[in-house]
């Protein structure tokens, strides 16, 4: 029986669209950890790779990584984020230097827009993403489906399970007044177990920045 995927956008899309301008203006909190993430990701990408990024935000990471690969589709379910990303790609004095294979699209992982054709993606990237989706298990299953055999899922996920006693009540109150999106409280172990259960072999892990942000490289079995 064929798998059926829904194209309905997540309920948090409106929240993130409204937050896009503020998000774009916010500086990277830990530049060293960000650069480490980019370095480790680049080590796993090749010049002929086809790459999908999920939850790309306003596109800053896509603009830095896309020049290392053949094609790079950067997506976000929040249209406000993609509007800013498109402006970065089209405007400014450095437009000619932008990677030719980079495209932005309003889409989530279940959208027809991310279908790679018969071969599948070489790599799917998702940074600070999985703890913000409402259906993590289905999302991981879909990622597995979109990758070619041996393809890589490269991710970074905030894991706050150890501090859920503090953060969960605060998030709940903020959600009631529209000031916070959906948040899942992973531990490192539950995150990595979920990835393995979706049909992946974990080949690299790191914590950038410590102690809560887990970097994982996993290969499709």
N, C-alpha and C. Protein backbone atom coordinates (compact mmCIF):
# COMPACT_ATOMS: atom_id res chain seq x y z
N UNK A 1 0.85 -1.20 0.00
CA UNK A 1 0.00 0.00 0.00
C UNK A 1 0.88 1.25 0.00
N UNK A 2 0.63 2.18 -0.89
CA UNK A 2 1.44 3.39 -1.01
C UNK A 2 1.23 4.31 0.19
N UNK A 3 2.31 4.99 0.56
CA UNK A 3 2.22 5.95 1.66
C UNK A 3 1.51 7.21 1.18
N UNK A 4 0.60 7.73 2.00
CA UNK A 4 -0.11 8.96 1.67
C UNK A 4 0.43 10.08 2.54
N UNK A 5 0.80 11.19 1.90
CA UNK A 5 1.35 12.33 2.63
C UNK A 5 0.35 13.48 2.58
N UNK A 6 0.24 14.22 3.65
CA UNK A 6 -0.63 15.39 3.68
C UNK A 6 0.14 16.63 3.26
N UNK A 7 -0.50 17.55 2.53
CA UNK A 7 0.12 18.80 2.11
C UNK A 7 -0.30 19.98 2.97
N UNK A 8 -1.00 19.71 4.06
CA UNK A 8 -1.47 20.78 4.93
C UNK A 8 -0.31 21.39 5.69
N UNK A 9 -0.21 22.72 5.65
CA UNK A 9 0.88 23.40 6.34
C UNK A 9 0.70 23.31 7.86
N UNK A 10 1.80 23.17 8.61
CA UNK A 10 1.71 23.09 10.06
C UNK A 10 1.09 24.34 10.66
N UNK A 11 0.48 24.16 11.85
CA UNK A 11 -0.22 25.27 12.49
C UNK A 11 0.73 26.38 12.94
N UNK A 12 2.02 26.10 13.06
CA UNK A 12 2.99 27.10 13.50
C UNK A 12 3.44 28.02 12.37
N UNK A 13 3.01 27.75 11.13
CA UNK A 13 3.49 28.54 10.00
C UNK A 13 3.18 30.03 10.17
N UNK A 14 1.97 30.35 10.64
CA UNK A 14 1.61 31.75 10.83
C UNK A 14 2.47 32.42 11.88
N UNK A 15 2.76 31.71 12.95
CA UNK A 15 3.63 32.26 14.01
C UNK A 15 4.99 32.65 13.43
N UNK A 16 5.59 31.74 12.65
CA UNK A 16 6.93 32.00 12.14
C UNK A 16 6.94 33.07 11.06
N UNK A 17 5.87 33.17 10.29
CA UNK A 17 5.79 34.25 9.30
C UNK A 17 5.78 35.61 9.98
N UNK A 18 5.00 35.72 11.05
CA UNK A 18 4.93 36.98 11.78
C UNK A 18 6.26 37.32 12.45
N UNK A 19 7.01 36.28 12.83
CA UNK A 19 8.28 36.50 13.53
C UNK A 19 9.45 36.70 12.58
N UNK A 20 9.21 36.63 11.27
CA UNK A 20 10.31 36.58 10.30
C UNK A 20 11.23 37.80 10.36
N UNK A 21 10.66 39.01 10.43
CA UNK A 21 11.49 40.22 10.43
C UNK A 21 12.37 40.29 11.66
N UNK A 22 11.79 39.97 12.80
CA UNK A 22 12.57 39.97 14.04
C UNK A 22 13.64 38.89 14.00
N UNK A 23 13.27 37.72 13.48
CA UNK A 23 14.22 36.61 13.35
C UNK A 23 15.39 37.01 12.47
N UNK A 24 15.10 37.64 11.35
CA UNK A 24 16.15 38.03 10.40
C UNK A 24 17.12 39.04 11.01
N UNK A 25 16.60 39.89 11.90
CA UNK A 25 17.43 40.93 12.49
C UNK A 25 18.24 40.45 13.69
N UNK A 26 17.94 39.26 14.17
CA UNK A 26 18.62 38.75 15.37
C UNK A 26 19.99 38.19 15.01
N UNK A 27 21.03 38.52 15.77
CA UNK A 27 22.36 37.98 15.50
C UNK A 27 22.44 36.51 15.88
N UNK A 28 23.38 35.80 15.28
CA UNK A 28 23.64 34.41 15.66
C UNK A 28 24.15 34.40 17.10
N UNK A 29 23.55 33.58 17.93
CA UNK A 29 23.88 33.61 19.36
C UNK A 29 25.25 33.03 19.66
N UNK A 30 25.64 32.02 18.92
CA UNK A 30 26.94 31.39 19.16
C UNK A 30 27.62 31.17 17.80
N UNK A 31 28.41 32.13 17.38
CA UNK A 31 29.03 32.09 16.06
C UNK A 31 29.97 30.90 15.93
N UNK A 32 30.70 30.57 16.97
CA UNK A 32 31.64 29.46 16.91
C UNK A 32 30.90 28.13 16.66
N UNK A 33 29.80 27.93 17.36
CA UNK A 33 29.02 26.70 17.18
C UNK A 33 28.41 26.66 15.78
N UNK A 34 27.95 27.80 15.29
CA UNK A 34 27.37 27.87 13.95
C UNK A 34 28.41 27.51 12.90
N UNK A 35 29.61 28.06 13.02
CA UNK A 35 30.66 27.76 12.07
C UNK A 35 31.09 26.29 12.14
N UNK A 36 31.07 25.72 13.33
CA UNK A 36 31.40 24.30 13.49
C UNK A 36 30.35 23.45 12.77
N UNK A 37 29.09 23.82 12.90
CA UNK A 37 28.02 23.10 12.21
C UNK A 37 28.21 23.16 10.70
N UNK A 38 28.51 24.33 10.18
CA UNK A 38 28.75 24.48 8.74
C UNK A 38 29.96 23.65 8.30
N UNK A 39 31.00 23.66 9.09
CA UNK A 39 32.22 22.91 8.76
C UNK A 39 31.94 21.41 8.68
N UNK A 40 31.25 20.88 9.69
CA UNK A 40 30.97 19.45 9.72
C UNK A 40 29.99 19.07 8.60
N UNK A 41 29.03 19.93 8.31
CA UNK A 41 28.10 19.65 7.23
C UNK A 41 28.82 19.60 5.89
N UNK A 42 29.67 20.57 5.64
CA UNK A 42 30.39 20.65 4.37
C UNK A 42 31.24 19.42 4.13
N UNK A 43 31.78 18.83 5.20
CA UNK A 43 32.60 17.63 5.07
C UNK A 43 31.81 16.46 4.47
N UNK A 44 30.50 16.50 4.60
CA UNK A 44 29.67 15.39 4.13
C UNK A 44 29.00 15.67 2.78
N UNK A 45 29.24 16.83 2.20
CA UNK A 45 28.61 17.20 0.93
C UNK A 45 29.61 17.16 -0.21
N UNK A 46 29.13 16.79 -1.40
CA UNK A 46 29.98 16.74 -2.58
C UNK A 46 29.48 17.66 -3.67
N UNK A 47 30.33 18.01 -4.64
CA UNK A 47 29.97 19.00 -5.66
C UNK A 47 28.84 18.56 -6.59
N UNK A 48 28.53 17.27 -6.66
CA UNK A 48 27.45 16.79 -7.52
C UNK A 48 26.18 16.47 -6.73
N UNK A 49 26.15 16.83 -5.47
CA UNK A 49 25.01 16.47 -4.61
C UNK A 49 23.78 17.33 -4.88
N UNK A 50 22.64 16.70 -4.72
CA UNK A 50 21.35 17.38 -4.71
C UNK A 50 20.88 17.45 -3.26
N UNK A 51 20.61 18.66 -2.77
CA UNK A 51 20.37 18.89 -1.34
C UNK A 51 19.02 19.57 -1.13
N UNK A 52 18.31 19.14 -0.10
CA UNK A 52 17.09 19.79 0.36
C UNK A 52 17.34 20.28 1.78
N UNK A 53 17.01 21.55 2.04
CA UNK A 53 17.04 22.04 3.42
C UNK A 53 15.61 22.31 3.87
N UNK A 54 15.28 21.82 5.05
CA UNK A 54 13.98 22.03 5.67
C UNK A 54 14.10 23.09 6.76
N UNK A 55 13.09 23.95 6.86
CA UNK A 55 13.13 24.98 7.89
C UNK A 55 14.29 25.93 7.70
N UNK A 56 14.47 26.43 6.49
CA UNK A 56 15.66 27.24 6.17
C UNK A 56 15.60 28.64 6.73
N UNK A 57 14.45 29.05 7.29
CA UNK A 57 14.34 30.40 7.82
C UNK A 57 14.52 31.44 6.73
N UNK A 58 15.34 32.42 6.99
CA UNK A 58 15.55 33.50 6.02
C UNK A 58 16.72 33.24 5.08
N UNK A 59 17.21 32.00 5.05
CA UNK A 59 18.13 31.58 4.00
C UNK A 59 19.60 31.80 4.20
N UNK A 60 20.02 32.28 5.36
CA UNK A 60 21.44 32.59 5.55
C UNK A 60 22.33 31.36 5.41
N UNK A 61 21.92 30.25 6.01
CA UNK A 61 22.72 29.03 5.92
C UNK A 61 22.74 28.49 4.50
N UNK A 62 21.60 28.53 3.83
CA UNK A 62 21.54 28.07 2.44
C UNK A 62 22.50 28.83 1.55
N UNK A 63 22.58 30.14 1.73
CA UNK A 63 23.48 30.96 0.92
C UNK A 63 24.94 30.59 1.15
N UNK A 64 25.27 30.12 2.34
CA UNK A 64 26.64 29.74 2.64
C UNK A 64 26.99 28.33 2.15
N UNK A 65 26.02 27.44 2.13
CA UNK A 65 26.30 26.04 1.81
C UNK A 65 26.06 25.69 0.34
N UNK A 66 25.18 26.40 -0.33
CA UNK A 66 24.73 25.98 -1.66
C UNK A 66 25.84 25.96 -2.70
N UNK A 67 26.85 26.76 -2.52
CA UNK A 67 27.95 26.78 -3.48
C UNK A 67 28.80 25.53 -3.48
N UNK A 68 28.60 24.66 -2.48
CA UNK A 68 29.37 23.43 -2.38
C UNK A 68 28.74 22.26 -3.10
N UNK A 69 27.51 22.43 -3.65
CA UNK A 69 26.76 21.32 -4.22
C UNK A 69 26.19 21.69 -5.59
N UNK A 70 25.63 20.69 -6.28
CA UNK A 70 25.06 20.92 -7.61
C UNK A 70 23.74 21.66 -7.54
N UNK A 71 22.85 21.22 -6.65
CA UNK A 71 21.55 21.88 -6.52
C UNK A 71 21.15 21.90 -5.05
N UNK A 72 20.44 22.96 -4.67
CA UNK A 72 20.10 23.18 -3.26
C UNK A 72 18.72 23.83 -3.21
N UNK A 73 17.72 23.06 -2.75
CA UNK A 73 16.38 23.58 -2.56
C UNK A 73 16.17 23.87 -1.09
N UNK A 74 16.03 25.15 -0.74
CA UNK A 74 15.86 25.58 0.64
C UNK A 74 14.40 25.94 0.88
N UNK A 75 13.77 25.29 1.85
CA UNK A 75 12.34 25.44 2.06
C UNK A 75 12.02 25.84 3.49
N UNK A 76 10.88 26.50 3.63
CA UNK A 76 10.34 26.80 4.95
C UNK A 76 8.82 26.87 4.80
N UNK A 77 8.09 26.41 5.82
CA UNK A 77 6.63 26.47 5.72
C UNK A 77 6.08 27.86 6.00
N UNK A 78 6.93 28.78 6.46
CA UNK A 78 6.51 30.15 6.76
C UNK A 78 6.82 31.06 5.57
N UNK A 79 5.79 31.57 4.94
CA UNK A 79 5.99 32.40 3.75
C UNK A 79 6.78 33.67 4.06
N UNK A 80 6.61 34.21 5.28
CA UNK A 80 7.35 35.41 5.66
C UNK A 80 8.85 35.18 5.67
N UNK A 81 9.28 33.99 6.07
CA UNK A 81 10.70 33.65 6.04
C UNK A 81 11.23 33.61 4.61
N UNK A 82 10.48 32.95 3.73
CA UNK A 82 10.93 32.78 2.36
C UNK A 82 10.94 34.11 1.61
N UNK A 83 10.04 35.02 1.93
CA UNK A 83 10.06 36.34 1.30
C UNK A 83 11.39 37.04 1.56
N UNK A 84 11.88 36.94 2.79
CA UNK A 84 13.16 37.56 3.12
C UNK A 84 14.30 36.82 2.44
N UNK A 85 14.23 35.49 2.41
CA UNK A 85 15.27 34.70 1.74
C UNK A 85 15.35 35.04 0.26
N UNK A 86 14.20 35.17 -0.39
CA UNK A 86 14.19 35.52 -1.81
C UNK A 86 14.80 36.90 -2.04
N UNK A 87 14.53 37.83 -1.13
CA UNK A 87 15.11 39.17 -1.26
C UNK A 87 16.63 39.13 -1.15
N UNK A 88 17.14 38.28 -0.26
CA UNK A 88 18.59 38.12 -0.15
C UNK A 88 19.18 37.57 -1.44
N UNK A 89 18.47 36.65 -2.06
CA UNK A 89 18.97 36.01 -3.26
C UNK A 89 18.94 36.96 -4.47
N UNK A 90 17.93 37.81 -4.54
CA UNK A 90 17.74 38.65 -5.71
C UNK A 90 18.38 40.03 -5.61
N UNK A 91 18.54 40.55 -4.39
CA UNK A 91 18.96 41.93 -4.25
C UNK A 91 20.37 42.09 -3.74
N UNK A 92 20.85 43.34 -3.81
CA UNK A 92 22.15 43.68 -3.24
C UNK A 92 23.29 43.53 -4.21
N UNK A 93 24.43 44.09 -3.87
CA UNK A 93 25.59 44.13 -4.77
C UNK A 93 26.23 42.77 -5.00
N UNK A 94 25.96 41.78 -4.12
CA UNK A 94 26.61 40.48 -4.26
C UNK A 94 25.75 39.45 -4.95
N UNK A 95 24.71 39.90 -5.64
CA UNK A 95 23.78 38.98 -6.28
C UNK A 95 24.49 38.00 -7.21
N UNK A 96 25.45 38.48 -8.01
CA UNK A 96 26.11 37.62 -8.97
C UNK A 96 26.90 36.51 -8.30
N UNK A 97 27.29 36.71 -7.06
CA UNK A 97 28.08 35.71 -6.35
C UNK A 97 27.22 34.62 -5.72
N UNK A 98 25.90 34.79 -5.73
CA UNK A 98 25.03 33.81 -5.12
C UNK A 98 25.06 32.51 -5.92
N UNK A 99 24.99 31.36 -5.25
CA UNK A 99 25.06 30.07 -5.93
C UNK A 99 23.95 29.92 -6.98
N UNK A 100 24.32 29.44 -8.16
CA UNK A 100 23.37 29.31 -9.26
C UNK A 100 22.35 28.21 -9.02
N UNK A 101 22.73 27.20 -8.26
CA UNK A 101 21.84 26.07 -8.04
C UNK A 101 20.90 26.22 -6.88
N UNK A 102 20.86 27.39 -6.25
CA UNK A 102 20.04 27.61 -5.06
C UNK A 102 18.65 28.12 -5.43
N UNK A 103 17.64 27.48 -4.85
CA UNK A 103 16.26 27.93 -4.99
C UNK A 103 15.59 27.91 -3.63
N UNK A 104 14.69 28.88 -3.42
CA UNK A 104 13.88 28.93 -2.20
C UNK A 104 12.43 28.63 -2.54
N UNK A 105 11.72 27.98 -1.60
CA UNK A 105 10.31 27.67 -1.83
C UNK A 105 9.57 27.60 -0.50
N UNK A 106 8.32 28.07 -0.52
CA UNK A 106 7.43 27.89 0.62
C UNK A 106 6.89 26.47 0.55
N UNK A 107 7.31 25.63 1.47
CA UNK A 107 6.91 24.23 1.47
C UNK A 107 7.32 23.60 2.79
N UNK A 108 6.60 22.51 3.14
CA UNK A 108 7.08 21.69 4.23
C UNK A 108 7.51 20.34 3.65
N UNK A 109 7.94 19.44 4.50
CA UNK A 109 8.52 18.19 4.03
C UNK A 109 7.51 17.32 3.28
N UNK A 110 6.21 17.53 3.51
CA UNK A 110 5.18 16.71 2.87
C UNK A 110 4.68 17.30 1.55
N UNK A 111 5.17 18.46 1.18
CA UNK A 111 4.70 19.15 -0.01
C UNK A 111 5.20 18.47 -1.29
N UNK A 112 4.39 18.52 -2.33
CA UNK A 112 4.83 18.02 -3.63
C UNK A 112 6.03 18.81 -4.16
N UNK A 113 6.21 20.04 -3.70
CA UNK A 113 7.31 20.88 -4.17
C UNK A 113 8.69 20.29 -3.86
N UNK A 114 8.77 19.43 -2.86
CA UNK A 114 10.08 18.89 -2.47
C UNK A 114 10.36 17.52 -3.09
N UNK A 115 9.45 17.00 -3.90
CA UNK A 115 9.68 15.70 -4.52
C UNK A 115 10.92 15.77 -5.41
N UNK A 116 11.87 14.85 -5.23
CA UNK A 116 13.14 14.92 -5.96
C UNK A 116 13.16 14.18 -7.29
N UNK A 117 12.06 13.56 -7.67
CA UNK A 117 12.08 12.71 -8.86
C UNK A 117 12.45 11.30 -8.49
N UNK A 118 12.99 10.56 -9.43
CA UNK A 118 13.23 9.14 -9.22
C UNK A 118 14.45 8.85 -8.36
N UNK A 119 15.44 9.71 -8.37
CA UNK A 119 16.71 9.37 -7.73
C UNK A 119 16.75 9.67 -6.24
N UNK A 120 16.05 10.68 -5.77
CA UNK A 120 16.13 11.07 -4.38
C UNK A 120 17.25 12.05 -4.12
N UNK A 121 17.20 12.69 -2.95
CA UNK A 121 18.24 13.65 -2.57
C UNK A 121 19.47 12.92 -2.02
N UNK A 122 20.62 13.54 -2.25
CA UNK A 122 21.85 13.03 -1.63
C UNK A 122 21.91 13.39 -0.16
N UNK A 123 21.35 14.55 0.20
CA UNK A 123 21.36 14.98 1.60
C UNK A 123 20.14 15.85 1.88
N UNK A 124 19.59 15.70 3.07
CA UNK A 124 18.54 16.58 3.56
C UNK A 124 19.03 17.19 4.86
N UNK A 125 18.99 18.52 4.94
CA UNK A 125 19.49 19.27 6.08
C UNK A 125 18.32 19.86 6.86
N UNK A 126 18.44 19.87 8.18
CA UNK A 126 17.39 20.44 9.02
C UNK A 126 18.02 20.93 10.32
N UNK A 127 18.20 22.24 10.42
CA UNK A 127 18.87 22.82 11.59
C UNK A 127 17.85 23.52 12.48
N UNK A 128 17.91 23.18 13.78
CA UNK A 128 16.99 23.78 14.76
C UNK A 128 15.55 23.64 14.27
N UNK A 129 15.20 22.44 13.90
CA UNK A 129 13.96 22.18 13.16
C UNK A 129 13.07 21.13 13.82
N UNK A 130 13.61 19.94 14.08
CA UNK A 130 12.76 18.80 14.42
C UNK A 130 11.99 19.00 15.72
N UNK A 131 12.56 19.72 16.68
CA UNK A 131 11.85 19.95 17.94
C UNK A 131 10.70 20.93 17.78
N UNK A 132 10.59 21.55 16.60
CA UNK A 132 9.53 22.53 16.35
C UNK A 132 8.41 21.99 15.45
N UNK A 133 8.53 20.73 15.03
CA UNK A 133 7.47 20.15 14.19
C UNK A 133 6.55 19.30 15.05
N UNK A 134 5.28 19.28 14.68
CA UNK A 134 4.27 18.62 15.50
C UNK A 134 4.18 17.12 15.25
N UNK A 135 4.79 16.64 14.20
CA UNK A 135 4.72 15.23 13.83
C UNK A 135 6.12 14.72 13.49
N UNK A 136 6.99 14.66 14.49
CA UNK A 136 8.40 14.34 14.26
C UNK A 136 8.57 12.96 13.63
N UNK A 137 7.81 11.97 14.06
CA UNK A 137 7.97 10.61 13.53
C UNK A 137 7.61 10.57 12.05
N UNK A 138 6.47 11.18 11.68
CA UNK A 138 6.07 11.21 10.27
C UNK A 138 7.08 12.02 9.45
N UNK A 139 7.60 13.08 10.03
CA UNK A 139 8.59 13.90 9.34
C UNK A 139 9.85 13.10 9.04
N UNK A 140 10.34 12.34 10.01
CA UNK A 140 11.53 11.52 9.79
C UNK A 140 11.27 10.43 8.75
N UNK A 141 10.08 9.85 8.78
CA UNK A 141 9.72 8.84 7.78
C UNK A 141 9.71 9.44 6.38
N UNK A 142 9.19 10.65 6.27
CA UNK A 142 9.15 11.33 4.96
C UNK A 142 10.56 11.68 4.49
N UNK A 143 11.42 12.14 5.39
CA UNK A 143 12.81 12.43 5.05
C UNK A 143 13.48 11.18 4.51
N UNK A 144 13.27 10.07 5.19
CA UNK A 144 13.83 8.80 4.74
C UNK A 144 13.35 8.47 3.33
N UNK A 145 12.08 8.70 3.07
CA UNK A 145 11.49 8.43 1.76
C UNK A 145 12.11 9.30 0.67
N UNK A 146 12.43 10.54 0.97
CA UNK A 146 12.93 11.49 -0.02
C UNK A 146 14.40 11.30 -0.35
N UNK A 147 15.14 10.63 0.51
CA UNK A 147 16.57 10.42 0.28
C UNK A 147 16.82 9.22 -0.62
N UNK A 148 17.89 9.30 -1.41
CA UNK A 148 18.32 8.13 -2.17
C UNK A 148 18.96 7.12 -1.22
N UNK A 149 19.08 5.86 -1.59
CA UNK A 149 19.76 4.89 -0.73
C UNK A 149 21.16 5.36 -0.35
N UNK A 150 21.46 5.34 0.93
CA UNK A 150 22.74 5.83 1.41
C UNK A 150 22.81 7.34 1.59
N UNK A 151 21.70 8.04 1.29
CA UNK A 151 21.65 9.49 1.47
C UNK A 151 21.74 9.88 2.93
N UNK A 152 22.08 11.14 3.17
CA UNK A 152 22.35 11.62 4.52
C UNK A 152 21.28 12.58 5.02
N UNK A 153 20.89 12.39 6.27
CA UNK A 153 20.07 13.34 7.01
C UNK A 153 21.00 14.04 7.99
N UNK A 154 21.21 15.34 7.79
CA UNK A 154 22.14 16.12 8.62
C UNK A 154 21.31 17.16 9.37
N UNK A 155 21.37 17.09 10.69
CA UNK A 155 20.44 17.91 11.48
C UNK A 155 21.10 18.44 12.74
N UNK A 156 20.47 19.48 13.26
CA UNK A 156 20.80 19.97 14.60
C UNK A 156 19.48 20.24 15.31
N UNK A 157 19.35 19.72 16.52
CA UNK A 157 18.07 19.76 17.23
C UNK A 157 18.30 20.19 18.67
N UNK A 158 17.51 21.15 19.12
CA UNK A 158 17.57 21.58 20.52
C UNK A 158 16.89 20.52 21.38
N UNK A 159 17.60 20.03 22.39
CA UNK A 159 17.10 18.95 23.25
C UNK A 159 17.03 19.46 24.69
N UNK A 160 15.82 19.79 25.13
CA UNK A 160 15.63 20.43 26.44
C UNK A 160 14.93 19.54 27.46
N UNK A 161 14.93 18.22 27.22
CA UNK A 161 14.20 17.32 28.12
C UNK A 161 14.65 17.47 29.56
N UNK A 162 15.94 17.65 29.79
CA UNK A 162 16.44 17.76 31.17
C UNK A 162 15.95 19.01 31.86
N UNK A 163 15.55 20.01 31.08
CA UNK A 163 15.05 21.25 31.67
C UNK A 163 13.57 21.48 31.39
N UNK A 164 12.88 20.40 31.01
CA UNK A 164 11.46 20.54 30.70
C UNK A 164 10.66 21.03 31.89
N UNK A 165 11.07 20.66 33.09
CA UNK A 165 10.38 21.11 34.30
C UNK A 165 10.34 22.63 34.39
N UNK A 166 11.37 23.28 33.81
CA UNK A 166 11.43 24.73 33.83
C UNK A 166 10.78 25.34 32.58
N UNK A 167 11.16 24.81 31.42
CA UNK A 167 10.75 25.45 30.18
C UNK A 167 9.33 25.12 29.74
N UNK A 168 8.86 23.90 29.99
CA UNK A 168 7.55 23.50 29.49
C UNK A 168 6.42 24.40 30.00
N UNK A 169 6.36 24.73 31.30
CA UNK A 169 5.30 25.64 31.75
C UNK A 169 5.40 27.03 31.14
N UNK A 170 6.63 27.52 30.96
CA UNK A 170 6.81 28.84 30.35
C UNK A 170 6.35 28.85 28.90
N UNK A 171 6.71 27.79 28.17
CA UNK A 171 6.30 27.69 26.77
C UNK A 171 4.78 27.62 26.67
N UNK A 172 4.15 26.86 27.56
CA UNK A 172 2.70 26.71 27.54
C UNK A 172 2.00 28.05 27.72
N UNK A 173 2.46 28.85 28.66
CA UNK A 173 1.87 30.16 28.89
C UNK A 173 2.07 31.06 27.68
N UNK A 174 3.26 31.04 27.10
CA UNK A 174 3.54 31.87 25.93
C UNK A 174 2.72 31.44 24.72
N UNK A 175 2.49 30.13 24.59
CA UNK A 175 1.65 29.64 23.49
C UNK A 175 0.22 30.15 23.62
N UNK A 176 -0.28 30.25 24.84
CA UNK A 176 -1.66 30.70 25.05
C UNK A 176 -1.88 32.14 24.60
N UNK A 177 -0.80 32.92 24.60
CA UNK A 177 -0.92 34.33 24.17
C UNK A 177 -0.26 34.55 22.80
N UNK A 178 0.03 33.46 22.09
CA UNK A 178 0.57 33.57 20.74
C UNK A 178 2.02 33.98 20.65
N UNK A 179 2.77 33.79 21.73
CA UNK A 179 4.16 34.22 21.76
C UNK A 179 5.16 33.08 21.62
N UNK A 180 4.69 31.87 21.39
CA UNK A 180 5.59 30.73 21.23
C UNK A 180 4.95 29.71 20.31
N UNK A 181 5.77 28.99 19.52
CA UNK A 181 5.25 27.94 18.64
C UNK A 181 5.19 26.61 19.38
N UNK A 182 4.83 25.55 18.67
CA UNK A 182 4.92 24.20 19.21
C UNK A 182 6.39 23.88 19.51
N UNK A 183 6.65 23.21 20.64
CA UNK A 183 8.00 22.78 21.00
C UNK A 183 7.93 21.37 21.57
N UNK A 184 8.79 20.49 21.07
CA UNK A 184 8.91 19.15 21.63
C UNK A 184 10.19 19.08 22.46
N UNK A 185 10.12 18.41 23.60
CA UNK A 185 11.25 18.34 24.52
C UNK A 185 11.97 17.00 24.38
N UNK A 186 12.90 16.95 23.44
CA UNK A 186 13.73 15.77 23.23
C UNK A 186 14.85 15.70 24.26
N UNK A 187 15.33 14.49 24.53
CA UNK A 187 16.66 14.27 25.09
C UNK A 187 17.55 13.80 23.95
N UNK A 188 18.86 13.75 24.15
CA UNK A 188 19.74 13.24 23.11
C UNK A 188 19.34 11.81 22.75
N UNK A 189 19.04 10.99 23.78
CA UNK A 189 18.72 9.59 23.53
C UNK A 189 17.41 9.43 22.77
N UNK A 190 16.37 10.17 23.15
CA UNK A 190 15.10 10.01 22.45
C UNK A 190 15.19 10.54 21.02
N UNK A 191 15.95 11.60 20.83
CA UNK A 191 16.16 12.11 19.48
C UNK A 191 16.84 11.06 18.60
N UNK A 192 17.93 10.52 19.08
CA UNK A 192 18.69 9.59 18.27
C UNK A 192 17.95 8.27 18.08
N UNK A 193 17.18 7.84 19.09
CA UNK A 193 16.34 6.64 18.93
C UNK A 193 15.29 6.87 17.85
N UNK A 194 14.71 8.07 17.79
CA UNK A 194 13.70 8.38 16.78
C UNK A 194 14.30 8.33 15.38
N UNK A 195 15.51 8.84 15.24
CA UNK A 195 16.18 8.83 13.93
C UNK A 195 16.48 7.39 13.51
N UNK A 196 17.00 6.60 14.43
CA UNK A 196 17.27 5.19 14.10
C UNK A 196 15.99 4.44 13.75
N UNK A 197 14.92 4.69 14.49
CA UNK A 197 13.66 4.00 14.25
C UNK A 197 13.07 4.32 12.88
N UNK A 198 13.47 5.48 12.32
CA UNK A 198 12.98 5.87 10.99
C UNK A 198 13.77 5.22 9.86
N UNK A 199 14.79 4.41 10.21
CA UNK A 199 15.54 3.69 9.19
C UNK A 199 16.90 4.27 8.87
N UNK A 200 17.52 4.90 9.86
CA UNK A 200 18.83 5.53 9.66
C UNK A 200 19.89 4.89 10.55
N UNK A 201 21.12 4.98 10.09
CA UNK A 201 22.30 4.65 10.89
C UNK A 201 23.00 5.96 11.23
N UNK A 202 23.19 6.23 12.50
CA UNK A 202 23.88 7.46 12.92
C UNK A 202 25.38 7.28 12.76
N UNK A 203 26.01 8.19 12.02
CA UNK A 203 27.44 8.06 11.74
C UNK A 203 28.27 9.17 12.38
N UNK A 204 27.62 10.21 12.88
CA UNK A 204 28.37 11.28 13.56
C UNK A 204 27.42 12.04 14.47
N UNK A 205 27.91 12.42 15.64
CA UNK A 205 27.16 13.30 16.53
C UNK A 205 28.11 14.34 17.12
N UNK A 206 27.53 15.44 17.57
CA UNK A 206 28.28 16.49 18.26
C UNK A 206 27.30 17.38 18.98
N UNK A 207 27.79 18.28 19.79
CA UNK A 207 26.92 19.19 20.53
C UNK A 207 27.43 20.61 20.32
N UNK A 208 26.78 21.32 19.40
CA UNK A 208 27.21 22.67 18.99
C UNK A 208 26.00 23.61 18.98
N UNK A 209 25.84 24.45 19.99
CA UNK A 209 26.65 24.58 21.20
C UNK A 209 26.17 23.66 22.32
N UNK A 210 27.07 23.37 23.23
CA UNK A 210 26.73 22.60 24.42
C UNK A 210 25.90 23.48 25.36
N UNK A 211 25.03 22.89 26.17
CA UNK A 211 24.83 21.45 26.34
C UNK A 211 23.58 20.91 25.67
N UNK A 212 22.85 21.70 24.88
CA UNK A 212 21.52 21.28 24.46
C UNK A 212 21.33 21.08 22.96
N UNK A 213 22.24 21.52 22.12
CA UNK A 213 22.01 21.51 20.68
C UNK A 213 22.75 20.34 20.04
N UNK A 214 22.00 19.31 19.64
CA UNK A 214 22.60 18.05 19.17
C UNK A 214 22.70 18.00 17.66
N UNK A 215 23.92 17.87 17.18
CA UNK A 215 24.21 17.72 15.76
C UNK A 215 24.29 16.23 15.44
N UNK A 216 23.57 15.80 14.40
CA UNK A 216 23.52 14.38 14.04
C UNK A 216 23.64 14.24 12.52
N UNK A 217 24.52 13.35 12.10
CA UNK A 217 24.59 12.93 10.70
C UNK A 217 24.16 11.47 10.66
N UNK A 218 23.12 11.17 9.86
CA UNK A 218 22.57 9.82 9.79
C UNK A 218 22.44 9.39 8.34
N UNK A 219 22.77 8.14 8.08
CA UNK A 219 22.72 7.58 6.71
C UNK A 219 21.49 6.71 6.55
N UNK A 220 20.79 6.88 5.44
CA UNK A 220 19.63 6.05 5.13
C UNK A 220 20.07 4.61 4.88
N UNK A 221 19.45 3.68 5.59
CA UNK A 221 19.76 2.27 5.42
C UNK A 221 18.97 1.69 4.24
